[in-house]
N, C-alpha and C. Protein backbone atom coordinates (compact mmCIF):
# COMPACT_ATOMS: atom_id res chain seq x y z
N MET A 1 19.09 30.13 -0.23
CA MET A 1 17.94 29.65 0.95
C MET A 1 18.33 28.58 1.55
N THR A 2 18.15 28.90 2.77
CA THR A 2 18.02 27.66 4.05
C THR A 2 17.21 26.39 3.85
N LEU A 3 17.14 25.48 4.29
CA LEU A 3 16.45 24.38 4.34
C LEU A 3 15.14 24.91 5.34
N ARG A 4 15.47 25.60 6.58
CA ARG A 4 14.62 26.23 7.20
C ARG A 4 13.58 27.19 6.64
N GLU A 5 14.27 27.72 6.06
CA GLU A 5 13.49 28.86 5.25
C GLU A 5 12.41 28.58 4.35
N ALA A 6 13.02 27.31 3.48
CA ALA A 6 12.21 26.55 2.54
C ALA A 6 11.08 25.94 3.06
N LEU A 7 11.31 25.26 4.18
CA LEU A 7 10.28 24.37 4.83
C LEU A 7 9.38 25.32 5.67
N ALA A 8 9.58 26.56 5.88
CA ALA A 8 8.71 27.55 6.71
C ALA A 8 7.89 28.22 5.69
N GLY A 9 8.21 28.10 4.43
CA GLY A 9 7.21 28.78 3.32
C GLY A 9 6.12 27.87 2.77
N ILE A 10 6.27 26.49 3.08
CA ILE A 10 5.10 25.57 2.76
C ILE A 10 3.90 25.90 3.52
N PRO A 11 2.67 25.89 2.95
CA PRO A 11 1.60 26.08 3.67
C PRO A 11 1.14 24.99 4.55
N ASP A 12 0.80 25.30 5.76
CA ASP A 12 0.48 24.27 6.70
C ASP A 12 -1.08 23.97 6.54
N PRO A 13 -1.32 22.61 6.21
CA PRO A 13 -2.51 21.92 5.97
C PRO A 13 -3.31 21.53 7.24
N ARG A 14 -2.79 21.51 8.33
CA ARG A 14 -3.42 21.41 9.57
C ARG A 14 -4.27 22.49 9.97
N GLY A 15 -5.07 21.80 10.76
CA GLY A 15 -6.06 22.80 11.51
C GLY A 15 -5.40 23.70 12.59
N LYS A 16 -6.34 24.70 13.38
CA LYS A 16 -5.40 25.56 14.18
C LYS A 16 -4.87 24.94 15.45
N ASN A 17 -5.45 23.97 15.87
CA ASN A 17 -4.92 23.03 17.17
C ASN A 17 -3.36 22.46 16.89
N ARG A 18 -2.59 23.07 16.72
CA ARG A 18 -1.15 22.39 16.13
C ARG A 18 -0.13 22.45 17.39
N GLN A 19 0.36 21.21 17.85
CA GLN A 19 1.20 21.17 18.73
C GLN A 19 2.63 21.33 18.40
N PHE A 20 2.95 21.14 17.10
CA PHE A 20 4.55 20.98 16.69
C PHE A 20 4.50 22.00 15.14
N PRO A 21 5.62 22.68 15.14
CA PRO A 21 5.67 23.57 14.03
C PRO A 21 5.78 22.72 12.80
N LEU A 22 5.21 23.03 11.60
CA LEU A 22 5.58 22.05 10.42
C LEU A 22 6.91 22.44 10.04
N PRO A 23 7.61 23.46 9.95
CA PRO A 23 9.12 23.11 9.45
C PRO A 23 9.68 21.96 10.41
N GLY A 24 9.55 22.00 11.72
CA GLY A 24 10.19 21.21 12.69
C GLY A 24 9.86 19.67 12.17
N LEU A 25 8.33 19.52 12.02
CA LEU A 25 8.04 18.07 11.81
C LEU A 25 8.77 17.62 10.42
N LEU A 26 8.71 18.40 9.64
CA LEU A 26 9.08 17.92 8.00
C LEU A 26 10.82 17.79 8.24
N ALA A 27 11.45 18.81 8.88
CA ALA A 27 13.19 18.80 9.02
C ALA A 27 13.26 17.33 9.69
N LEU A 28 12.49 17.00 10.75
CA LEU A 28 12.69 16.07 11.59
C LEU A 28 12.65 14.56 10.87
N ILE A 29 11.54 14.67 9.89
CA ILE A 29 11.24 13.31 8.81
C ILE A 29 12.52 13.36 8.01
N LEU A 30 13.05 14.58 7.30
CA LEU A 30 14.19 14.57 6.36
C LEU A 30 15.33 13.92 7.44
N VAL A 31 15.69 14.39 8.37
CA VAL A 31 17.05 14.00 9.15
C VAL A 31 16.78 12.71 9.55
N ALA A 32 15.65 12.14 10.00
CA ALA A 32 15.40 10.64 10.31
C ALA A 32 15.54 9.74 9.13
N PHE A 33 15.19 10.06 7.62
CA PHE A 33 15.41 9.53 6.36
C PHE A 33 16.59 9.44 6.08
N LEU A 34 17.54 10.42 6.46
CA LEU A 34 18.74 10.62 6.05
C LEU A 34 19.77 9.59 6.82
N CYS A 35 19.09 9.52 7.90
CA CYS A 35 19.76 8.44 9.00
C CYS A 35 19.40 6.78 8.97
N ARG A 36 18.65 6.76 7.68
CA ARG A 36 18.11 5.49 7.09
C ARG A 36 17.03 4.90 8.04
N VAL A 37 16.15 5.74 8.34
CA VAL A 37 14.95 5.46 8.96
C VAL A 37 13.98 5.14 8.14
N ASP A 38 13.07 4.02 7.76
CA ASP A 38 12.10 3.77 6.80
C ASP A 38 10.84 3.83 7.01
N SER A 39 10.34 4.39 8.22
CA SER A 39 8.82 4.33 8.15
C SER A 39 8.68 5.61 9.41
N LEU A 40 7.47 5.73 9.32
CA LEU A 40 6.99 7.15 10.16
C LEU A 40 6.94 6.73 11.50
N ARG A 41 6.63 5.30 12.12
CA ARG A 41 6.82 4.87 13.41
C ARG A 41 8.35 4.90 13.61
N GLY A 42 9.26 4.74 12.64
CA GLY A 42 10.86 4.60 12.90
C GLY A 42 11.00 6.16 13.34
N VAL A 43 10.54 7.09 12.41
CA VAL A 43 10.58 8.52 12.81
C VAL A 43 10.37 9.23 14.31
N ALA A 44 9.27 8.62 14.82
CA ALA A 44 9.02 8.83 15.89
C ALA A 44 9.81 8.06 16.99
N ARG A 45 10.31 6.98 16.78
CA ARG A 45 11.22 6.25 17.72
C ARG A 45 12.76 6.95 17.53
N PHE A 46 13.18 7.49 16.40
CA PHE A 46 14.27 8.24 16.26
C PHE A 46 14.06 9.70 16.80
N ALA A 47 13.07 10.27 17.28
CA ALA A 47 12.82 11.41 17.80
C ALA A 47 13.25 11.15 19.12
N ARG A 48 12.54 10.25 19.85
CA ARG A 48 12.61 9.81 21.18
C ARG A 48 14.02 9.32 21.56
N ALA A 49 14.74 8.78 20.63
CA ALA A 49 16.08 8.44 20.84
C ALA A 49 16.86 9.48 20.67
N ASN A 50 16.65 10.44 20.10
CA ASN A 50 17.54 11.73 19.83
C ASN A 50 17.13 12.99 20.28
N PRO A 51 16.64 13.35 21.44
CA PRO A 51 15.96 14.37 22.09
C PRO A 51 17.05 15.58 21.77
N HIS A 52 18.23 15.37 21.77
CA HIS A 52 19.40 16.62 21.75
C HIS A 52 18.89 17.08 20.13
N LEU A 53 18.59 16.70 19.46
CA LEU A 53 18.56 17.32 18.07
C LEU A 53 16.98 18.27 17.88
N LEU A 54 16.09 17.75 18.83
CA LEU A 54 14.75 18.54 18.65
C LEU A 54 14.74 20.06 18.83
N PRO A 55 15.66 20.61 19.70
CA PRO A 55 15.86 22.01 19.74
C PRO A 55 16.28 22.62 18.39
N HIS A 56 17.22 21.98 17.77
CA HIS A 56 17.88 22.50 16.67
C HIS A 56 16.79 22.53 15.48
N LEU A 57 15.79 21.33 15.61
CA LEU A 57 14.77 21.64 14.58
C LEU A 57 13.59 22.27 14.93
N GLY A 58 13.45 23.15 16.03
CA GLY A 58 12.43 23.69 16.25
C GLY A 58 11.58 22.96 17.17
N LEU A 59 11.64 22.00 17.91
CA LEU A 59 10.99 21.14 18.50
C LEU A 59 11.01 21.24 19.97
N ARG A 60 10.12 21.06 20.82
CA ARG A 60 10.41 21.10 22.23
C ARG A 60 10.45 19.42 22.76
N ARG A 61 9.48 18.91 22.16
CA ARG A 61 9.70 17.52 22.60
C ARG A 61 9.11 16.35 21.46
N PRO A 62 9.53 15.08 21.61
CA PRO A 62 9.43 14.23 20.49
C PRO A 62 7.84 14.20 20.09
N PRO A 63 7.62 14.26 18.58
CA PRO A 63 6.31 13.97 18.05
C PRO A 63 5.90 12.48 18.21
N GLY A 64 4.85 12.16 18.03
CA GLY A 64 4.39 10.83 18.09
C GLY A 64 3.97 10.55 16.40
N HIS A 65 3.62 9.08 16.13
CA HIS A 65 3.54 8.97 15.05
C HIS A 65 2.46 9.68 14.31
N TYR A 66 1.42 9.67 15.28
CA TYR A 66 -0.08 10.23 14.72
C TYR A 66 0.26 11.65 14.05
N ALA A 67 1.48 12.31 14.79
CA ALA A 67 1.45 13.73 14.60
C ALA A 67 1.93 13.80 12.86
N PHE A 68 2.86 12.73 12.44
CA PHE A 68 3.63 12.48 11.35
C PHE A 68 2.38 12.06 10.06
N THR A 69 1.69 11.30 10.70
CA THR A 69 0.73 10.61 9.83
C THR A 69 -0.33 11.47 9.33
N THR A 70 -0.88 12.46 10.29
CA THR A 70 -1.62 13.23 9.82
C THR A 70 -1.41 14.16 9.04
N LEU A 71 -0.10 14.63 9.31
CA LEU A 71 0.46 15.75 8.58
C LEU A 71 0.59 15.42 7.01
N LEU A 72 1.19 14.27 6.72
CA LEU A 72 1.49 13.68 5.62
C LEU A 72 0.38 13.34 4.52
N HIS A 73 -0.50 12.96 5.41
CA HIS A 73 -1.81 12.64 4.65
C HIS A 73 -2.46 13.86 4.06
N ARG A 74 -2.37 15.29 4.95
CA ARG A 74 -2.88 16.42 4.55
C ARG A 74 -2.02 17.14 3.54
N LEU A 75 -0.59 17.04 3.79
CA LEU A 75 0.30 17.96 3.02
C LEU A 75 0.25 17.79 1.62
N ASP A 76 0.45 18.90 1.02
CA ASP A 76 0.32 19.08 -0.48
C ASP A 76 2.07 18.40 -1.03
N PRO A 77 2.03 17.52 -1.75
CA PRO A 77 3.39 17.03 -1.92
C PRO A 77 4.15 18.11 -2.93
N TRP A 78 3.20 18.74 -3.98
CA TRP A 78 3.90 19.60 -4.79
C TRP A 78 4.44 20.78 -3.70
N ASP A 79 3.67 21.13 -2.89
CA ASP A 79 4.32 22.13 -2.03
C ASP A 79 5.77 21.80 -1.74
N LEU A 80 5.79 20.49 -1.07
CA LEU A 80 7.16 20.16 -0.66
C LEU A 80 8.26 20.13 -1.50
N GLN A 81 7.93 19.32 -2.63
CA GLN A 81 8.66 19.50 -3.71
C GLN A 81 9.36 20.41 -3.88
N GLU A 82 8.46 21.53 -4.24
CA GLU A 82 9.01 22.92 -4.60
C GLU A 82 9.88 23.48 -3.64
N ALA A 83 9.65 23.59 -2.48
CA ALA A 83 10.50 23.91 -1.26
C ALA A 83 11.78 23.36 -1.33
N LEU A 84 11.72 21.89 -1.68
CA LEU A 84 12.91 21.10 -1.60
C LEU A 84 14.05 21.31 -2.82
N ALA A 85 13.31 21.89 -3.94
CA ALA A 85 13.94 21.85 -5.18
C ALA A 85 14.57 23.36 -5.13
N ARG A 86 14.01 24.54 -4.02
CA ARG A 86 14.64 25.56 -3.81
C ARG A 86 16.01 25.68 -3.33
N VAL A 87 16.04 24.65 -1.99
CA VAL A 87 17.36 24.38 -1.38
C VAL A 87 18.39 23.39 -2.03
N PHE A 88 17.57 22.50 -2.95
CA PHE A 88 18.57 21.78 -3.61
C PHE A 88 18.42 21.61 -5.14
N PRO A 89 18.74 22.61 -5.86
CA PRO A 89 18.35 22.62 -7.20
C PRO A 89 19.05 21.60 -7.92
N GLU A 90 18.73 21.07 -9.07
CA GLU A 90 19.24 20.25 -9.89
C GLU A 90 20.47 20.50 -10.36
N VAL A 91 21.61 19.39 -10.48
CA VAL A 91 22.85 19.79 -10.68
C VAL A 91 22.95 19.40 -12.11
N PRO A 92 23.44 20.06 -13.04
CA PRO A 92 23.59 19.87 -14.27
C PRO A 92 24.35 18.59 -14.56
N VAL A 93 23.80 17.73 -15.83
CA VAL A 93 24.35 16.38 -15.92
C VAL A 93 24.94 16.42 -17.27
N SER A 94 26.18 15.68 -17.48
CA SER A 94 26.97 15.46 -18.73
C SER A 94 25.70 14.69 -19.61
N PRO A 95 25.81 14.66 -21.11
CA PRO A 95 24.77 14.08 -21.91
C PRO A 95 24.93 12.68 -21.76
N GLY A 96 26.24 12.29 -21.55
CA GLY A 96 26.29 10.81 -21.33
C GLY A 96 25.73 10.08 -20.35
N GLU A 97 25.42 10.81 -19.00
CA GLU A 97 24.76 10.37 -18.11
C GLU A 97 23.59 10.14 -18.27
N ARG A 98 22.74 10.69 -19.33
CA ARG A 98 21.34 10.74 -19.61
C ARG A 98 21.16 9.41 -20.12
N GLU A 99 21.88 8.74 -20.59
CA GLU A 99 21.55 7.29 -21.33
C GLU A 99 21.74 6.14 -20.54
N VAL A 100 21.44 6.46 -18.92
CA VAL A 100 21.40 5.29 -18.07
C VAL A 100 19.98 5.25 -17.57
N TRP A 101 19.48 4.12 -17.90
CA TRP A 101 17.87 3.94 -17.04
C TRP A 101 18.00 3.12 -16.08
N VAL A 102 17.42 3.32 -14.83
CA VAL A 102 17.54 2.23 -13.67
C VAL A 102 16.06 1.74 -13.70
N VAL A 103 15.76 0.47 -13.45
CA VAL A 103 14.84 -0.18 -13.65
C VAL A 103 14.56 -0.80 -12.05
N ASP A 104 13.39 -0.83 -11.42
CA ASP A 104 13.41 -1.29 -10.14
C ASP A 104 11.64 -1.85 -9.83
N GLY A 105 11.44 -2.66 -9.18
CA GLY A 105 10.29 -2.95 -8.56
C GLY A 105 10.18 -2.90 -7.32
N LYS A 106 8.90 -2.97 -6.59
CA LYS A 106 8.71 -2.26 -5.53
C LYS A 106 7.23 -2.95 -5.03
N VAL A 107 7.40 -3.40 -3.67
CA VAL A 107 5.80 -3.90 -3.25
C VAL A 107 5.72 -2.97 -2.16
N LEU A 108 4.28 -2.29 -2.25
CA LEU A 108 3.93 -1.38 -1.39
C LEU A 108 3.64 -1.95 -0.08
N ARG A 109 4.31 -1.57 0.84
CA ARG A 109 4.16 -2.06 2.29
C ARG A 109 2.79 -1.54 2.83
N GLY A 110 2.15 -2.70 3.08
CA GLY A 110 0.55 -2.60 3.94
C GLY A 110 -0.50 -2.54 2.83
N SER A 111 -0.04 -2.88 1.46
CA SER A 111 -1.14 -2.85 0.50
C SER A 111 -1.84 -4.14 0.19
N ARG A 112 -1.39 -5.15 1.11
CA ARG A 112 -2.44 -6.32 1.05
C ARG A 112 -3.64 -6.29 1.96
N LYS A 113 -4.75 -6.09 1.55
CA LYS A 113 -6.04 -5.77 2.19
C LYS A 113 -6.88 -7.03 2.00
N GLY A 114 -7.33 -7.92 3.05
CA GLY A 114 -8.00 -8.89 3.04
C GLY A 114 -7.71 -10.03 1.95
N GLY A 115 -8.54 -10.43 1.31
CA GLY A 115 -8.19 -11.43 -0.02
C GLY A 115 -7.37 -10.62 -1.13
N PHE A 116 -7.15 -9.29 -1.01
CA PHE A 116 -6.55 -8.70 -1.97
C PHE A 116 -5.12 -8.75 -2.09
N PRO A 117 -3.97 -9.16 -3.18
CA PRO A 117 -2.82 -9.14 -2.81
C PRO A 117 -1.92 -8.02 -2.82
N GLN A 118 -0.75 -7.91 -2.22
CA GLN A 118 0.02 -6.81 -2.24
C GLN A 118 -0.13 -5.83 -3.49
N VAL A 119 0.11 -4.68 -3.95
CA VAL A 119 0.40 -3.81 -4.90
C VAL A 119 1.87 -3.88 -5.35
N ARG A 120 2.19 -4.44 -6.36
CA ARG A 120 3.62 -4.37 -6.83
C ARG A 120 3.76 -3.63 -8.08
N LEU A 121 4.81 -2.65 -8.38
CA LEU A 121 5.11 -1.67 -9.02
C LEU A 121 6.47 -2.02 -9.95
N VAL A 122 6.40 -1.33 -10.98
CA VAL A 122 7.62 -1.41 -11.63
C VAL A 122 8.24 0.12 -12.34
N GLU A 123 9.07 0.66 -11.94
CA GLU A 123 9.59 2.04 -12.40
C GLU A 123 10.64 2.06 -13.08
N VAL A 124 10.85 3.01 -14.01
CA VAL A 124 12.12 3.19 -14.78
C VAL A 124 12.25 4.72 -14.58
N LEU A 125 13.56 5.01 -14.48
CA LEU A 125 14.18 6.41 -13.77
C LEU A 125 15.24 6.55 -14.80
N ALA A 126 15.45 7.67 -15.25
CA ALA A 126 16.29 8.34 -16.14
C ALA A 126 17.36 8.77 -14.93
N LEU A 127 18.48 8.37 -15.19
CA LEU A 127 19.59 8.61 -13.83
C LEU A 127 20.08 9.99 -14.12
N GLY A 128 20.18 10.29 -15.39
CA GLY A 128 20.82 11.54 -15.64
C GLY A 128 19.99 12.76 -15.41
N LEU A 129 18.73 12.30 -15.58
CA LEU A 129 17.69 13.53 -15.39
C LEU A 129 16.94 13.32 -14.08
N ARG A 130 17.25 12.54 -13.40
CA ARG A 130 16.90 12.38 -12.15
C ARG A 130 15.09 12.61 -11.86
N ARG A 131 14.65 11.62 -13.08
CA ARG A 131 13.34 11.73 -12.93
C ARG A 131 12.66 10.09 -13.16
N THR A 132 11.80 9.89 -12.93
CA THR A 132 10.83 8.77 -13.01
C THR A 132 10.18 8.93 -14.33
N LEU A 133 10.55 8.01 -15.55
CA LEU A 133 10.14 8.14 -16.84
C LEU A 133 8.56 7.28 -16.71
N VAL A 134 8.45 6.30 -16.18
CA VAL A 134 7.38 5.70 -16.04
C VAL A 134 7.22 4.61 -14.74
N GLN A 135 5.94 4.56 -14.40
CA GLN A 135 5.77 3.44 -13.20
C GLN A 135 4.43 2.96 -13.58
N ALA A 136 4.32 1.48 -13.29
CA ALA A 136 3.25 0.89 -13.92
C ALA A 136 3.04 -0.23 -12.94
N ARG A 137 1.70 -0.59 -12.44
CA ARG A 137 1.53 -1.82 -11.61
C ARG A 137 1.79 -3.09 -12.42
N ALA A 138 2.46 -4.01 -11.61
CA ALA A 138 3.16 -5.37 -12.14
C ALA A 138 2.00 -6.37 -11.78
N GLU A 139 1.07 -6.62 -12.84
CA GLU A 139 -0.06 -7.75 -12.46
C GLU A 139 0.53 -8.97 -12.40
N GLY A 140 1.35 -9.45 -13.06
CA GLY A 140 2.27 -10.81 -13.04
C GLY A 140 3.87 -10.46 -12.75
N ARG A 141 4.38 -11.24 -13.40
CA ARG A 141 6.00 -10.97 -13.23
C ARG A 141 6.38 -9.85 -13.42
N GLU A 142 7.30 -9.25 -12.69
CA GLU A 142 7.76 -8.02 -12.95
C GLU A 142 8.87 -7.91 -13.82
N ALA A 143 9.51 -8.92 -14.46
CA ALA A 143 10.09 -8.87 -15.86
C ALA A 143 9.22 -8.55 -16.95
N ARG A 144 8.09 -9.23 -16.85
CA ARG A 144 7.17 -9.22 -17.85
C ARG A 144 6.70 -7.76 -18.02
N ALA A 145 6.43 -7.19 -16.87
CA ALA A 145 5.80 -5.77 -16.57
C ALA A 145 6.98 -4.65 -17.31
N LEU A 146 8.24 -5.04 -16.77
CA LEU A 146 9.42 -4.30 -17.34
C LEU A 146 9.28 -4.29 -18.68
N MET A 147 9.26 -5.20 -19.41
CA MET A 147 9.45 -5.34 -20.72
C MET A 147 8.12 -4.48 -21.36
N GLU A 148 6.88 -4.60 -20.89
CA GLU A 148 5.74 -3.77 -21.28
C GLU A 148 6.06 -2.31 -21.22
N VAL A 149 6.45 -1.93 -20.06
CA VAL A 149 6.86 -0.64 -19.63
C VAL A 149 7.99 -0.05 -20.56
N LEU A 150 8.94 -0.70 -20.93
CA LEU A 150 9.88 -0.09 -21.71
C LEU A 150 9.34 0.12 -23.26
N GLY A 151 8.29 -1.30 -23.64
CA GLY A 151 7.52 -0.49 -24.76
C GLY A 151 6.76 0.45 -24.90
N ARG A 152 6.15 0.74 -23.80
CA ARG A 152 5.19 1.92 -23.87
C ARG A 152 5.96 3.10 -23.92
N LEU A 153 7.30 3.10 -23.27
CA LEU A 153 8.05 4.32 -23.33
C LEU A 153 8.54 4.63 -24.74
N GLY A 154 8.28 3.86 -25.72
CA GLY A 154 8.73 3.89 -27.09
C GLY A 154 10.18 3.73 -27.08
N ALA A 155 10.47 2.73 -26.30
CA ALA A 155 12.16 2.11 -26.08
C ALA A 155 12.28 1.33 -27.27
N GLU A 156 11.68 1.14 -28.27
CA GLU A 156 12.27 0.02 -29.37
C GLU A 156 13.72 0.53 -29.69
N GLY A 157 14.20 1.65 -29.44
CA GLY A 157 15.48 1.86 -30.01
C GLY A 157 16.27 2.33 -28.56
N LEU A 158 16.82 1.41 -27.75
CA LEU A 158 17.34 1.71 -26.59
C LEU A 158 18.87 1.87 -26.91
N GLU A 159 19.21 1.94 -28.18
CA GLU A 159 20.82 2.12 -28.92
C GLU A 159 21.43 3.08 -27.82
N GLY A 160 22.44 2.56 -27.36
CA GLY A 160 23.39 3.49 -26.42
C GLY A 160 23.01 3.89 -24.93
N ARG A 161 21.97 3.20 -24.62
CA ARG A 161 21.36 3.29 -23.26
C ARG A 161 21.78 1.88 -22.46
N LEU A 162 22.47 2.17 -21.24
CA LEU A 162 22.45 0.99 -20.48
C LEU A 162 21.40 0.85 -19.36
N VAL A 163 20.95 -0.07 -19.28
CA VAL A 163 19.31 -0.48 -18.44
C VAL A 163 20.14 -1.43 -17.45
N VAL A 164 19.71 -0.52 -16.06
CA VAL A 164 20.36 -1.07 -14.79
C VAL A 164 19.25 -1.43 -13.86
N GLY A 165 19.29 -2.71 -13.41
CA GLY A 165 18.28 -3.13 -12.57
C GLY A 165 18.87 -4.09 -11.17
N ASP A 166 18.08 -4.28 -10.41
CA ASP A 166 18.67 -5.32 -9.34
C ASP A 166 18.61 -6.86 -9.95
N ALA A 167 18.93 -7.64 -8.94
CA ALA A 167 18.95 -9.22 -9.24
C ALA A 167 17.71 -9.53 -9.70
N GLY A 168 16.58 -9.17 -9.29
CA GLY A 168 15.06 -9.50 -9.69
C GLY A 168 14.92 -9.35 -11.13
N TYR A 169 15.75 -8.77 -11.98
CA TYR A 169 15.69 -8.42 -13.12
C TYR A 169 16.65 -9.39 -14.26
N VAL A 170 17.45 -9.98 -13.72
CA VAL A 170 18.33 -10.88 -14.44
C VAL A 170 17.78 -12.21 -14.92
N TYR A 171 16.86 -12.14 -15.76
CA TYR A 171 16.04 -13.24 -16.42
C TYR A 171 16.65 -13.06 -17.76
N PRO A 172 17.03 -14.06 -18.32
CA PRO A 172 17.40 -14.11 -19.66
C PRO A 172 16.41 -13.44 -20.77
N GLU A 173 15.06 -13.71 -20.60
CA GLU A 173 14.24 -12.82 -21.51
C GLU A 173 14.35 -11.44 -21.13
N VAL A 174 14.57 -10.84 -20.15
CA VAL A 174 14.58 -9.48 -20.07
C VAL A 174 16.05 -8.91 -20.76
N ALA A 175 16.94 -9.53 -20.34
CA ALA A 175 18.45 -9.28 -21.04
C ALA A 175 18.35 -9.32 -22.65
N ARG A 176 17.57 -10.44 -22.87
CA ARG A 176 17.46 -10.65 -24.54
C ARG A 176 16.67 -9.69 -25.22
N GLY A 177 15.57 -9.07 -24.17
CA GLY A 177 14.55 -8.10 -24.84
C GLY A 177 15.35 -6.87 -24.86
N ILE A 178 16.02 -6.41 -23.68
CA ILE A 178 16.80 -5.33 -23.91
C ILE A 178 17.79 -5.22 -24.96
N GLY A 179 18.35 -6.34 -25.23
CA GLY A 179 19.52 -6.36 -26.35
C GLY A 179 18.68 -6.27 -27.67
N GLU A 180 17.53 -6.82 -27.79
CA GLU A 180 16.81 -6.92 -28.99
C GLU A 180 16.59 -5.37 -29.48
N LYS A 181 16.12 -4.65 -28.38
CA LYS A 181 15.95 -3.19 -28.61
C LYS A 181 17.15 -2.29 -28.61
N GLY A 182 18.28 -2.73 -28.50
CA GLY A 182 19.51 -1.99 -28.89
C GLY A 182 20.19 -1.79 -27.76
N GLY A 183 19.79 -2.08 -26.45
CA GLY A 183 20.20 -1.35 -24.99
C GLY A 183 21.30 -2.39 -24.79
N ARG A 184 22.21 -2.19 -23.78
CA ARG A 184 23.05 -3.11 -22.93
C ARG A 184 22.53 -3.36 -21.74
N THR A 185 22.88 -4.48 -21.30
CA THR A 185 23.15 -4.94 -19.91
C THR A 185 24.27 -5.85 -19.57
N CYS A 186 24.56 -6.11 -18.34
CA CYS A 186 25.67 -6.71 -18.02
C CYS A 186 25.67 -8.25 -18.47
N TRP A 187 24.55 -8.91 -18.91
CA TRP A 187 24.17 -10.29 -19.27
C TRP A 187 24.22 -10.36 -20.90
N ARG A 188 24.10 -9.40 -21.35
CA ARG A 188 24.19 -9.40 -22.88
C ARG A 188 25.39 -9.72 -23.41
């Protein structure tokens, strides 16, 4: 199945007044993100800067930011996930690859509202499974939230697992805690 066929199979959540075809909008978002665009405004700028791509995606003119925003607010993410899974099936992995967990923290852009602080999340991803195991809001330091998340995963036994994270997690207490649970870090 081609990407175009898979995207065409997604139910269109928009009303009858559609200026742009759904598969074209979704394909443009994917192409822009593959080209390291990181926002919907950036996708609109990318479309204006690359008009030669639009006919190949089934678009006559570049859509604006509003077209992407309204579409993604209405689109069922499971429909998109199923369509992409038909085109990009999971690649089988060796058992050794399942032993790597990647941890990362994110600040949700635009989450600061008035006197409320930005929302910060900590996520643990099983690299070999290509799945997020757990994601939780970090109320204090991300390092503390990471240790709580690993505990909630039942990760008392990290024996044989390598826990990988960015420099933000290179705190001695995190490395020590992972080591106490039987895992390895480059700092232990």
